[in-house]
Protein backbone atom coordinates (compact mmCIF):
# COMPACT_ATOMS: atom_id res chain seq x y z
CA MET A 1 6.61 3.73 18.07
CA GLU A 2 3.53 3.04 15.94
CA HIS A 3 3.28 -0.45 17.43
CA LEU A 4 3.18 0.92 20.96
CA LEU A 5 0.63 3.68 20.45
CA ARG A 6 -2.52 2.28 18.87
CA GLY A 7 -4.91 4.97 20.05
CA VAL A 8 -7.70 6.76 18.26
CA LEU A 9 -7.97 10.53 17.86
CA LEU A 10 -11.48 11.91 17.46
CA ILE A 11 -11.89 15.37 15.97
CA TRP A 12 -15.02 17.42 16.43
CA ASP A 13 -15.29 19.37 13.19
CA ARG A 14 -17.24 22.47 14.16
CA THR A 15 -18.10 24.02 10.84
CA PRO A 16 -19.60 27.51 10.45
CA LYS A 17 -22.85 25.76 9.51
CA TYR A 18 -23.19 24.65 13.14
CA ILE A 19 -21.34 27.45 14.88
CA PHE A 20 -23.55 30.17 13.43
CA LEU A 21 -26.96 28.65 14.09
CA PRO A 22 -29.49 31.26 15.24
CA GLY A 23 -29.62 31.96 18.95
CA SER A 24 -31.98 29.77 20.99
CA PRO A 25 -32.14 28.18 24.45
CA GLU A 26 -30.33 25.17 22.93
CA HIS A 27 -27.73 27.33 21.15
CA MET A 28 -27.01 30.38 23.28
CA ARG A 29 -23.84 31.13 21.34
CA GLY A 30 -25.98 32.34 18.42
CA TRP A 31 -27.24 35.24 20.53
CA PHE A 32 -23.67 36.48 21.06
CA PHE A 33 -23.14 36.66 17.31
CA ASP A 34 -26.37 38.63 16.94
CA LEU A 35 -25.25 41.13 19.58
CA PHE A 36 -21.55 41.31 18.76
CA LEU A 37 -21.15 41.01 15.00
CA GLN A 38 -17.36 41.33 15.12
CA LEU A 39 -17.19 38.00 16.99
CA ALA A 40 -18.34 36.12 13.87
CA SER A 41 -15.17 36.87 11.89
CA PHE A 42 -13.00 36.09 14.92
CA GLU A 43 -14.82 32.78 15.43
CA ARG A 44 -14.44 31.79 11.76
CA GLU A 45 -10.67 32.17 12.06
CA ARG A 46 -10.49 29.97 15.17
CA TYR A 47 -11.50 26.79 13.37
CA PRO A 48 -9.27 25.46 10.60
CA PHE A 49 -10.80 23.61 7.68
CA TYR A 50 -10.86 19.81 7.92
CA ALA A 51 -8.50 19.57 4.93
CA THR A 52 -5.87 21.59 6.85
CA ILE A 53 -6.17 19.32 9.88
CA LYS A 54 -6.04 16.21 7.70
CA VAL A 55 -2.79 17.29 5.98
CA ALA A 56 -1.17 18.18 9.32
CA LEU A 57 -2.11 14.83 10.91
CA MET A 58 -0.84 12.85 7.93
CA ALA A 59 2.41 14.85 7.94
CA VAL A 60 3.22 13.61 11.46
CA GLY A 61 2.32 10.00 10.76
CA PHE A 62 -1.35 9.57 11.61
CA GLU A 63 -3.28 7.03 9.54
CA LEU A 64 -6.71 8.43 8.76
CA ARG A 65 -9.89 6.39 8.93
CA PRO A 66 -13.17 7.11 7.13
CA GLN A 67 -14.86 10.29 8.29
CA THR A 68 -18.20 9.93 10.09
CA THR A 69 -20.67 12.80 10.39
CA ILE A 70 -23.00 12.97 13.37
CA ILE A 71 -25.86 15.46 13.20
CA LEU A 72 -27.00 16.77 16.56
CA GLY A 73 -30.42 18.28 17.09
CA ASP A 74 -32.00 20.30 14.30
CA ALA A 75 -28.75 21.49 12.74
CA PRO A 76 -29.01 22.04 8.98
């Protein structure tokens, strides 16, 4: 099967560092967290850590390539 399927899987790793940026016209989501504090804990639980994803992908046979980080806008 590995010879037939030579695709690439891209993963957008949305870390809390980017998810919880302050609210702004470019990042409206931040305003929701300011208004509804309980959403922050819910949102943190939605995104697994990269290490968890990496282990799961390797367990089903994916071959991992070097990780590349792309910084968008003024994110810290």
